[in-house]
Amino acid sequence: MVTDPPAQAIVSKGTLVSVIVSEGPPGSDTPLVPDFSGRLVSEAKRWAAQQGMTVSITEEAHLTRGAGEVVQQYPAPDSPYKSGDTFTLVVSAGNMDGREPGQHVIFDVPAGNTDKDVRVTLVDERGETEVYRKAHAPGSRVDISVQPQGRARARIFINGVMTEEQEL
């Protein structure tokens, strides 16, 4: 339930209050849009065709998604749809800045007085694998290309301590 003014607000007597009440989740017979984020556009197109939906595609350069991967979708995941609706996809055109293909793990090495041991592991459908290890100067930027399989995340370790985890 949503109210305007919000709950706990102090208002004058006679002030109009709007109340929006949900009808609850859609029934089990209402089809919902799957989440195609990070999946190949061919999967999303195939699904939309099976549902009788029109597909609209826009390509954008994207730093962390490989070419052909879905970046955004409308309607959003878990939204109801019907045959004839338009399924709009924003798809990565890949990196257009001359960098290596694939997804990128980008981070800054913390400040300090000595070089830092930087280690990156990739956690994906294959398990956890070390994909990078090298000493870096404090304050330097690290940008490595990775080729994950399915949904993945990168774990960044500085001097043996995990300092960051990035969803890919």
N, C-alpha and C. Protein backbone atom coordinates (compact mmCIF):
# COMPACT_ATOMS: atom_id res chain seq x y z
N MET A 1 0.84 -1.16 0.00
CA MET A 1 0.00 0.00 0.00
C MET A 1 0.90 1.24 0.00
N VAL A 2 0.54 2.23 -0.79
CA VAL A 2 1.27 3.48 -0.90
C VAL A 2 0.29 4.61 -0.61
N THR A 3 0.74 5.59 0.19
CA THR A 3 -0.11 6.74 0.47
C THR A 3 0.60 8.03 0.10
N ASP A 4 -0.20 9.04 -0.22
CA ASP A 4 0.33 10.37 -0.50
C ASP A 4 -0.58 11.37 0.19
N PRO A 5 -0.16 12.06 1.20
CA PRO A 5 1.19 12.13 1.76
C PRO A 5 1.59 10.80 2.39
N PRO A 6 2.92 10.60 2.59
CA PRO A 6 3.40 9.33 3.13
C PRO A 6 2.94 9.08 4.56
N ALA A 7 3.02 7.83 4.96
CA ALA A 7 2.64 7.43 6.32
C ALA A 7 3.41 8.28 7.33
N GLN A 8 2.81 8.56 8.44
CA GLN A 8 3.37 9.33 9.56
C GLN A 8 3.44 10.83 9.28
N ALA A 9 2.99 11.28 8.09
CA ALA A 9 3.00 12.71 7.79
C ALA A 9 1.89 13.39 8.59
N ILE A 10 2.12 14.60 9.03
CA ILE A 10 1.12 15.36 9.76
C ILE A 10 0.44 16.28 8.75
N VAL A 11 -0.91 16.16 8.67
CA VAL A 11 -1.67 16.96 7.71
C VAL A 11 -2.85 17.62 8.41
N SER A 12 -3.40 18.63 7.78
CA SER A 12 -4.56 19.33 8.33
C SER A 12 -5.81 18.50 8.14
N LYS A 13 -6.76 18.71 9.02
CA LYS A 13 -8.05 18.03 8.92
C LYS A 13 -8.67 18.38 7.56
N GLY A 14 -9.20 17.36 6.90
CA GLY A 14 -9.84 17.56 5.60
C GLY A 14 -8.89 17.45 4.41
N THR A 15 -7.58 17.22 4.67
CA THR A 15 -6.61 17.06 3.59
C THR A 15 -6.90 15.78 2.81
N LEU A 16 -6.84 15.88 1.50
CA LEU A 16 -7.06 14.73 0.64
C LEU A 16 -5.86 13.79 0.73
N VAL A 17 -6.12 12.51 0.96
CA VAL A 17 -5.06 11.50 1.04
C VAL A 17 -5.33 10.46 -0.04
N SER A 18 -4.32 10.21 -0.89
CA SER A 18 -4.43 9.18 -1.92
C SER A 18 -3.89 7.87 -1.36
N VAL A 19 -4.60 6.79 -1.63
CA VAL A 19 -4.17 5.46 -1.19
C VAL A 19 -4.18 4.55 -2.41
N ILE A 20 -3.04 3.93 -2.67
CA ILE A 20 -2.93 2.96 -3.76
C ILE A 20 -2.77 1.59 -3.13
N VAL A 21 -3.68 0.70 -3.46
CA VAL A 21 -3.67 -0.64 -2.89
C VAL A 21 -3.44 -1.64 -4.02
N SER A 22 -2.52 -2.55 -3.82
CA SER A 22 -2.24 -3.57 -4.81
C SER A 22 -3.38 -4.58 -4.88
N GLU A 23 -3.61 -5.07 -6.06
CA GLU A 23 -4.57 -6.16 -6.24
C GLU A 23 -3.92 -7.50 -5.95
N GLY A 24 -2.66 -7.48 -5.55
CA GLY A 24 -1.93 -8.71 -5.27
C GLY A 24 -1.17 -9.18 -6.49
N PRO A 25 -0.43 -10.25 -6.34
CA PRO A 25 0.34 -10.76 -7.49
C PRO A 25 -0.60 -11.28 -8.57
N PRO A 26 -0.11 -11.30 -9.81
CA PRO A 26 -0.94 -11.82 -10.88
C PRO A 26 -1.27 -13.29 -10.63
N GLY A 27 -2.36 -13.74 -11.18
CA GLY A 27 -2.75 -15.14 -11.03
C GLY A 27 -1.76 -16.06 -11.71
N SER A 28 -1.83 -17.33 -11.37
CA SER A 28 -0.90 -18.31 -11.94
C SER A 28 -1.09 -18.48 -13.44
N ASP A 29 -2.22 -18.02 -13.97
CA ASP A 29 -2.47 -18.12 -15.40
C ASP A 29 -1.96 -16.89 -16.16
N THR A 30 -1.37 -15.90 -15.46
CA THR A 30 -0.84 -14.70 -16.10
C THR A 30 0.62 -14.93 -16.44
N PRO A 31 0.98 -14.89 -17.72
CA PRO A 31 2.39 -15.10 -18.09
C PRO A 31 3.24 -13.89 -17.71
N LEU A 32 4.47 -14.17 -17.24
CA LEU A 32 5.41 -13.11 -16.84
C LEU A 32 6.67 -13.18 -17.69
N VAL A 33 7.26 -12.03 -17.92
CA VAL A 33 8.48 -11.92 -18.73
C VAL A 33 9.67 -12.46 -17.94
N PRO A 34 10.47 -13.35 -18.53
CA PRO A 34 11.70 -13.83 -17.87
C PRO A 34 12.76 -12.72 -17.84
N ASP A 35 13.78 -12.91 -17.03
CA ASP A 35 14.91 -11.99 -16.96
C ASP A 35 15.99 -12.44 -17.95
N PHE A 36 16.23 -11.63 -18.98
CA PHE A 36 17.23 -11.97 -19.98
C PHE A 36 18.53 -11.19 -19.78
N SER A 37 18.65 -10.43 -18.71
CA SER A 37 19.84 -9.63 -18.46
C SER A 37 21.09 -10.52 -18.45
N GLY A 38 22.09 -10.15 -19.26
CA GLY A 38 23.33 -10.90 -19.33
C GLY A 38 23.27 -12.11 -20.24
N ARG A 39 22.09 -12.43 -20.77
CA ARG A 39 21.95 -13.57 -21.68
C ARG A 39 22.03 -13.08 -23.12
N LEU A 40 22.22 -14.00 -24.03
CA LEU A 40 22.35 -13.63 -25.45
C LEU A 40 21.01 -13.16 -26.01
N VAL A 41 21.10 -12.17 -26.89
CA VAL A 41 19.90 -11.61 -27.50
C VAL A 41 19.14 -12.67 -28.30
N SER A 42 19.83 -13.66 -28.84
CA SER A 42 19.16 -14.71 -29.60
C SER A 42 18.16 -15.47 -28.73
N GLU A 43 18.49 -15.69 -27.44
CA GLU A 43 17.56 -16.36 -26.53
C GLU A 43 16.31 -15.52 -26.32
N ALA A 44 16.50 -14.22 -26.11
CA ALA A 44 15.37 -13.32 -25.88
C ALA A 44 14.49 -13.22 -27.12
N LYS A 45 15.10 -13.16 -28.29
CA LYS A 45 14.33 -13.09 -29.54
C LYS A 45 13.53 -14.37 -29.77
N ARG A 46 14.15 -15.50 -29.50
CA ARG A 46 13.47 -16.79 -29.67
C ARG A 46 12.26 -16.88 -28.74
N TRP A 47 12.45 -16.48 -27.47
CA TRP A 47 11.35 -16.50 -26.51
C TRP A 47 10.23 -15.56 -26.96
N ALA A 48 10.56 -14.34 -27.37
CA ALA A 48 9.55 -13.36 -27.78
C ALA A 48 8.76 -13.87 -28.99
N ALA A 49 9.45 -14.49 -29.93
CA ALA A 49 8.75 -15.03 -31.12
C ALA A 49 7.76 -16.12 -30.70
N GLN A 50 8.16 -16.96 -29.76
CA GLN A 50 7.26 -18.02 -29.28
C GLN A 50 6.03 -17.44 -28.58
N GLN A 51 6.15 -16.23 -28.03
CA GLN A 51 5.03 -15.60 -27.33
C GLN A 51 4.21 -14.70 -28.26
N GLY A 52 4.62 -14.58 -29.52
CA GLY A 52 3.91 -13.72 -30.47
C GLY A 52 4.17 -12.24 -30.24
N MET A 53 5.32 -11.92 -29.69
CA MET A 53 5.67 -10.53 -29.41
C MET A 53 6.54 -9.96 -30.52
N THR A 54 6.44 -8.66 -30.74
CA THR A 54 7.31 -7.94 -31.66
C THR A 54 8.57 -7.58 -30.88
N VAL A 55 9.74 -7.67 -31.54
CA VAL A 55 11.00 -7.37 -30.86
C VAL A 55 11.60 -6.09 -31.44
N SER A 56 12.01 -5.19 -30.54
CA SER A 56 12.70 -3.95 -30.91
C SER A 56 14.05 -3.98 -30.24
N ILE A 57 15.13 -3.80 -31.01
CA ILE A 57 16.48 -3.92 -30.46
C ILE A 57 17.27 -2.63 -30.69
N THR A 58 17.94 -2.18 -29.62
CA THR A 58 18.86 -1.04 -29.70
C THR A 58 20.20 -1.54 -29.23
N GLU A 59 21.27 -1.21 -29.97
CA GLU A 59 22.61 -1.61 -29.56
C GLU A 59 23.33 -0.42 -28.93
N GLU A 60 24.10 -0.71 -27.88
CA GLU A 60 24.91 0.30 -27.21
C GLU A 60 26.26 -0.30 -26.87
N ALA A 61 27.30 0.53 -26.90
CA ALA A 61 28.61 0.08 -26.42
C ALA A 61 28.48 -0.14 -24.92
N HIS A 62 29.11 -1.18 -24.42
CA HIS A 62 28.99 -1.49 -23.00
C HIS A 62 30.31 -2.04 -22.51
N LEU A 63 30.80 -1.52 -21.37
CA LEU A 63 32.11 -1.91 -20.88
C LEU A 63 32.18 -3.30 -20.29
N THR A 64 31.10 -3.78 -19.67
CA THR A 64 31.18 -5.05 -18.96
C THR A 64 30.38 -6.18 -19.59
N ARG A 65 29.78 -5.94 -20.73
CA ARG A 65 28.99 -6.98 -21.40
C ARG A 65 29.60 -7.27 -22.77
N GLY A 66 29.62 -8.54 -23.13
CA GLY A 66 30.11 -8.93 -24.44
C GLY A 66 29.08 -8.59 -25.51
N ALA A 67 29.53 -8.55 -26.75
CA ALA A 67 28.63 -8.26 -27.87
C ALA A 67 27.48 -9.26 -27.89
N GLY A 68 26.26 -8.74 -28.08
CA GLY A 68 25.09 -9.60 -28.18
C GLY A 68 24.42 -9.94 -26.87
N GLU A 69 24.94 -9.43 -25.74
CA GLU A 69 24.32 -9.70 -24.45
C GLU A 69 23.28 -8.64 -24.12
N VAL A 70 22.17 -9.07 -23.52
CA VAL A 70 21.10 -8.15 -23.14
C VAL A 70 21.55 -7.34 -21.93
N VAL A 71 21.41 -6.01 -22.05
CA VAL A 71 21.77 -5.09 -20.98
C VAL A 71 20.52 -4.65 -20.22
N GLN A 72 19.43 -4.34 -20.96
CA GLN A 72 18.16 -3.94 -20.37
C GLN A 72 17.03 -4.51 -21.20
N GLN A 73 15.86 -4.59 -20.60
CA GLN A 73 14.68 -5.08 -21.32
C GLN A 73 13.43 -4.39 -20.80
N TYR A 74 12.46 -4.23 -21.72
CA TYR A 74 11.15 -3.66 -21.39
C TYR A 74 10.11 -4.47 -22.14
N PRO A 75 9.09 -5.02 -21.51
CA PRO A 75 8.80 -4.90 -20.09
C PRO A 75 9.87 -5.55 -19.23
N ALA A 76 9.93 -5.07 -17.99
CA ALA A 76 10.91 -5.56 -17.02
C ALA A 76 10.63 -7.02 -16.68
N PRO A 77 11.65 -7.73 -16.17
CA PRO A 77 11.43 -9.11 -15.72
C PRO A 77 10.28 -9.18 -14.72
N ASP A 78 9.53 -10.28 -14.80
CA ASP A 78 8.40 -10.57 -13.92
C ASP A 78 7.20 -9.65 -14.15
N SER A 79 7.18 -8.95 -15.30
CA SER A 79 6.01 -8.14 -15.65
C SER A 79 5.09 -8.99 -16.50
N PRO A 80 3.78 -8.77 -16.38
CA PRO A 80 2.85 -9.50 -17.26
C PRO A 80 2.99 -9.01 -18.70
N TYR A 81 2.68 -9.85 -19.65
CA TYR A 81 2.71 -9.49 -21.06
C TYR A 81 1.60 -10.24 -21.77
N LYS A 82 1.35 -9.82 -23.02
CA LYS A 82 0.40 -10.55 -23.85
C LYS A 82 0.91 -10.60 -25.27
N SER A 83 0.43 -11.54 -26.02
CA SER A 83 0.80 -11.68 -27.42
C SER A 83 0.51 -10.36 -28.13
N GLY A 84 1.43 -9.94 -28.98
CA GLY A 84 1.28 -8.69 -29.71
C GLY A 84 2.02 -7.53 -29.07
N ASP A 85 2.41 -7.67 -27.79
CA ASP A 85 3.19 -6.62 -27.13
C ASP A 85 4.54 -6.49 -27.82
N THR A 86 5.20 -5.34 -27.63
CA THR A 86 6.56 -5.15 -28.13
C THR A 86 7.53 -5.43 -27.00
N PHE A 87 8.53 -6.25 -27.29
CA PHE A 87 9.58 -6.59 -26.33
C PHE A 87 10.81 -5.80 -26.76
N THR A 88 11.18 -4.78 -25.97
CA THR A 88 12.28 -3.89 -26.31
C THR A 88 13.54 -4.33 -25.57
N LEU A 89 14.62 -4.50 -26.32
CA LEU A 89 15.88 -4.96 -25.75
C LEU A 89 16.99 -3.96 -26.03
N VAL A 90 17.80 -3.67 -25.03
CA VAL A 90 19.03 -2.91 -25.21
C VAL A 90 20.13 -3.96 -25.14
N VAL A 91 20.91 -4.05 -26.22
CA VAL A 91 21.89 -5.12 -26.37
C VAL A 91 23.28 -4.51 -26.50
N SER A 92 24.25 -5.14 -25.87
CA SER A 92 25.63 -4.66 -25.96
C SER A 92 26.18 -4.89 -27.36
N ALA A 93 26.76 -3.83 -27.89
CA ALA A 93 27.44 -3.92 -29.18
C ALA A 93 28.90 -4.31 -28.95
N GLY A 94 29.26 -4.56 -27.70
CA GLY A 94 30.63 -4.89 -27.34
C GLY A 94 31.38 -3.62 -27.00
N ASN A 95 32.66 -3.78 -26.75
CA ASN A 95 33.51 -2.64 -26.41
C ASN A 95 33.94 -1.96 -27.69
N MET A 96 33.70 -0.67 -27.79
CA MET A 96 34.06 0.05 -29.01
C MET A 96 35.21 1.00 -28.75
N ASP A 97 36.00 0.70 -27.75
CA ASP A 97 37.10 1.59 -27.42
C ASP A 97 38.46 0.94 -27.64
N GLY A 98 38.50 -0.14 -28.40
CA GLY A 98 39.76 -0.79 -28.73
C GLY A 98 40.27 -1.74 -27.68
N ARG A 99 39.53 -1.94 -26.59
CA ARG A 99 39.99 -2.87 -25.56
C ARG A 99 39.71 -4.30 -25.99
N GLU A 100 40.30 -5.23 -25.26
CA GLU A 100 40.07 -6.64 -25.55
C GLU A 100 38.59 -6.96 -25.42
N PRO A 101 38.09 -7.94 -26.21
CA PRO A 101 36.69 -8.33 -26.09
C PRO A 101 36.44 -9.07 -24.78
N GLY A 102 35.20 -9.19 -24.43
CA GLY A 102 34.82 -9.88 -23.20
C GLY A 102 34.38 -8.89 -22.15
N GLN A 103 34.10 -9.40 -20.97
CA GLN A 103 33.71 -8.53 -19.87
C GLN A 103 34.96 -8.06 -19.16
N HIS A 104 34.88 -6.88 -18.56
CA HIS A 104 36.06 -6.31 -17.92
C HIS A 104 35.86 -6.14 -16.43
N VAL A 105 36.91 -6.47 -15.70
CA VAL A 105 36.98 -6.21 -14.27
C VAL A 105 37.90 -4.99 -14.15
N ILE A 106 37.35 -3.90 -13.61
CA ILE A 106 38.10 -2.65 -13.52
C ILE A 106 38.06 -2.19 -12.07
N PHE A 107 39.22 -1.85 -11.53
CA PHE A 107 39.28 -1.34 -10.16
C PHE A 107 40.58 -0.60 -9.96
N ASP A 108 40.61 0.22 -8.91
CA ASP A 108 41.80 0.99 -8.55
C ASP A 108 42.49 0.34 -7.37
N VAL A 109 43.81 0.23 -7.48
CA VAL A 109 44.62 -0.34 -6.39
C VAL A 109 44.69 0.70 -5.27
N PRO A 110 44.46 0.29 -4.02
CA PRO A 110 44.48 1.25 -2.91
C PRO A 110 45.83 1.96 -2.77
N ALA A 111 45.76 3.16 -2.21
CA ALA A 111 46.97 3.95 -1.98
C ALA A 111 47.85 3.26 -0.93
N GLY A 112 49.08 3.66 -0.88
CA GLY A 112 50.02 3.10 0.09
C GLY A 112 51.44 3.42 -0.33
N ASN A 113 52.40 2.80 0.36
CA ASN A 113 53.81 3.07 0.07
C ASN A 113 54.50 1.98 -0.73
N THR A 114 53.89 0.78 -0.79
CA THR A 114 54.54 -0.33 -1.47
C THR A 114 53.58 -0.96 -2.48
N ASP A 115 54.16 -1.69 -3.44
CA ASP A 115 53.34 -2.40 -4.42
C ASP A 115 52.40 -3.37 -3.72
N LYS A 116 51.27 -3.62 -4.34
CA LYS A 116 50.25 -4.52 -3.78
C LYS A 116 50.15 -5.76 -4.65
N ASP A 117 49.99 -6.91 -4.00
CA ASP A 117 49.75 -8.16 -4.71
C ASP A 117 48.26 -8.19 -5.06
N VAL A 118 47.95 -8.13 -6.35
CA VAL A 118 46.56 -8.11 -6.81
C VAL A 118 46.23 -9.47 -7.41
N ARG A 119 45.16 -10.07 -6.89
CA ARG A 119 44.71 -11.37 -7.40
C ARG A 119 43.22 -11.26 -7.70
N VAL A 120 42.79 -11.77 -8.85
CA VAL A 120 41.37 -11.76 -9.23
C VAL A 120 40.94 -13.18 -9.51
N THR A 121 39.81 -13.57 -8.90
CA THR A 121 39.23 -14.88 -9.21
C THR A 121 37.89 -14.65 -9.88
N LEU A 122 37.52 -15.56 -10.74
CA LEU A 122 36.25 -15.53 -11.45
C LEU A 122 35.39 -16.67 -10.93
N VAL A 123 34.18 -16.34 -10.48
CA VAL A 123 33.23 -17.35 -9.99
C VAL A 123 32.10 -17.42 -11.01
N ASP A 124 32.01 -18.55 -11.71
CA ASP A 124 30.95 -18.73 -12.71
C ASP A 124 30.49 -20.18 -12.69
N GLU A 125 29.87 -20.62 -13.76
CA GLU A 125 29.33 -21.98 -13.82
C GLU A 125 30.41 -23.05 -13.68
N ARG A 126 31.66 -22.68 -13.93
CA ARG A 126 32.76 -23.63 -13.84
C ARG A 126 33.34 -23.72 -12.43
N GLY A 127 32.90 -22.83 -11.53
CA GLY A 127 33.46 -22.78 -10.18
C GLY A 127 34.26 -21.51 -10.00
N GLU A 128 35.21 -21.52 -9.06
CA GLU A 128 36.05 -20.35 -8.81
C GLU A 128 37.44 -20.61 -9.36
N THR A 129 37.91 -19.70 -10.22
CA THR A 129 39.20 -19.87 -10.89
C THR A 129 40.00 -18.58 -10.80
N GLU A 130 41.28 -18.68 -10.46
CA GLU A 130 42.15 -17.51 -10.47
C GLU A 130 42.41 -17.13 -11.93
N VAL A 131 42.14 -15.87 -12.27
CA VAL A 131 42.30 -15.42 -13.67
C VAL A 131 43.37 -14.35 -13.81
N TYR A 132 43.87 -13.84 -12.66
CA TYR A 132 44.86 -12.76 -12.75
C TYR A 132 45.62 -12.67 -11.43
N ARG A 133 46.94 -12.45 -11.54
CA ARG A 133 47.75 -12.19 -10.34
C ARG A 133 48.99 -11.43 -10.76
N LYS A 134 49.19 -10.27 -10.12
CA LYS A 134 50.34 -9.44 -10.48
C LYS A 134 50.51 -8.35 -9.42
N ALA A 135 51.74 -7.89 -9.21
CA ALA A 135 51.99 -6.78 -8.30
C ALA A 135 51.70 -5.47 -9.03
N HIS A 136 51.04 -4.54 -8.32
CA HIS A 136 50.70 -3.23 -8.92
C HIS A 136 51.08 -2.12 -7.97
N ALA A 137 51.44 -0.99 -8.56
CA ALA A 137 51.76 0.20 -7.78
C ALA A 137 50.50 0.76 -7.14
N PRO A 138 50.61 1.31 -5.94
CA PRO A 138 49.46 1.93 -5.29
C PRO A 138 48.86 3.03 -6.16
N GLY A 139 47.53 3.08 -6.21
CA GLY A 139 46.83 4.10 -6.98
C GLY A 139 46.67 3.79 -8.46
N SER A 140 47.25 2.68 -8.93
CA SER A 140 47.11 2.34 -10.35
C SER A 140 45.74 1.73 -10.63
N ARG A 141 45.33 1.80 -11.88
CA ARG A 141 44.04 1.23 -12.30
C ARG A 141 44.31 -0.10 -12.99
N VAL A 142 43.53 -1.10 -12.63
CA VAL A 142 43.64 -2.43 -13.23
C VAL A 142 42.40 -2.66 -14.08
N ASP A 143 42.60 -3.14 -15.31
CA ASP A 143 41.51 -3.41 -16.25
C ASP A 143 41.85 -4.73 -16.93
N ILE A 144 41.14 -5.80 -16.55
CA ILE A 144 41.42 -7.09 -17.16
C ILE A 144 40.16 -7.62 -17.84
N SER A 145 40.36 -8.30 -18.95
CA SER A 145 39.27 -8.92 -19.69
C SER A 145 39.08 -10.34 -19.19
N VAL A 146 37.80 -10.72 -18.97
CA VAL A 146 37.49 -12.08 -18.54
C VAL A 146 36.41 -12.65 -19.46
N GLN A 147 36.37 -13.96 -19.53
CA GLN A 147 35.39 -14.65 -20.36
C GLN A 147 34.57 -15.59 -19.48
N PRO A 148 33.60 -15.04 -18.73
CA PRO A 148 32.82 -15.90 -17.85
C PRO A 148 31.86 -16.79 -18.61
N GLN A 149 31.45 -17.85 -17.95
CA GLN A 149 30.46 -18.75 -18.52
C GLN A 149 29.19 -18.61 -17.67
N GLY A 150 28.13 -18.04 -18.26
CA GLY A 150 26.88 -17.81 -17.53
C GLY A 150 27.01 -16.64 -16.58
N ARG A 151 26.11 -16.60 -15.61
CA ARG A 151 26.17 -15.52 -14.61
C ARG A 151 27.45 -15.68 -13.81
N ALA A 152 28.08 -14.53 -13.52
CA ALA A 152 29.39 -14.61 -12.88
C ALA A 152 29.66 -13.39 -12.01
N ARG A 153 30.70 -13.53 -11.19
CA ARG A 153 31.19 -12.40 -10.41
C ARG A 153 32.70 -12.55 -10.29
N ALA A 154 33.35 -11.40 -10.11
CA ALA A 154 34.80 -11.38 -9.94
C ALA A 154 35.11 -10.99 -8.51
N ARG A 155 36.06 -11.68 -7.90
CA ARG A 155 36.52 -11.35 -6.55
C ARG A 155 37.92 -10.79 -6.66
N ILE A 156 38.13 -9.63 -6.01
CA ILE A 156 39.40 -8.94 -6.09
C ILE A 156 40.07 -9.01 -4.72
N PHE A 157 41.29 -9.54 -4.70
CA PHE A 157 42.05 -9.69 -3.47
C PHE A 157 43.27 -8.77 -3.55
N ILE A 158 43.52 -8.02 -2.48
CA ILE A 158 44.71 -7.18 -2.37
C ILE A 158 45.51 -7.71 -1.18
N ASN A 159 46.74 -8.13 -1.45
CA ASN A 159 47.61 -8.73 -0.43
C ASN A 159 46.89 -9.84 0.33
N GLY A 160 46.15 -10.67 -0.39
CA GLY A 160 45.50 -11.85 0.18
C GLY A 160 44.16 -11.59 0.85
N VAL A 161 43.68 -10.35 0.86
CA VAL A 161 42.40 -10.02 1.50
C VAL A 161 41.41 -9.61 0.42
N MET A 162 40.23 -10.27 0.43
CA MET A 162 39.21 -9.90 -0.56
C MET A 162 38.70 -8.51 -0.22
N THR A 163 38.83 -7.59 -1.17
CA THR A 163 38.45 -6.19 -0.93
C THR A 163 37.23 -5.77 -1.74
N GLU A 164 36.89 -6.55 -2.77
CA GLU A 164 35.77 -6.16 -3.62
C GLU A 164 35.25 -7.38 -4.36
N GLU A 165 33.94 -7.36 -4.66
CA GLU A 165 33.32 -8.38 -5.49
C GLU A 165 32.44 -7.66 -6.51
N GLN A 166 32.64 -7.96 -7.78
CA GLN A 166 31.88 -7.31 -8.84
C GLN A 166 31.00 -8.32 -9.56
N GLU A 167 29.72 -7.97 -9.74
CA GLU A 167 28.82 -8.80 -10.56
C GLU A 167 29.19 -8.56 -12.02
N LEU A 168 29.22 -9.60 -12.80
CA LEU A 168 29.53 -9.46 -14.24
C LEU A 168 28.29 -9.79 -15.05
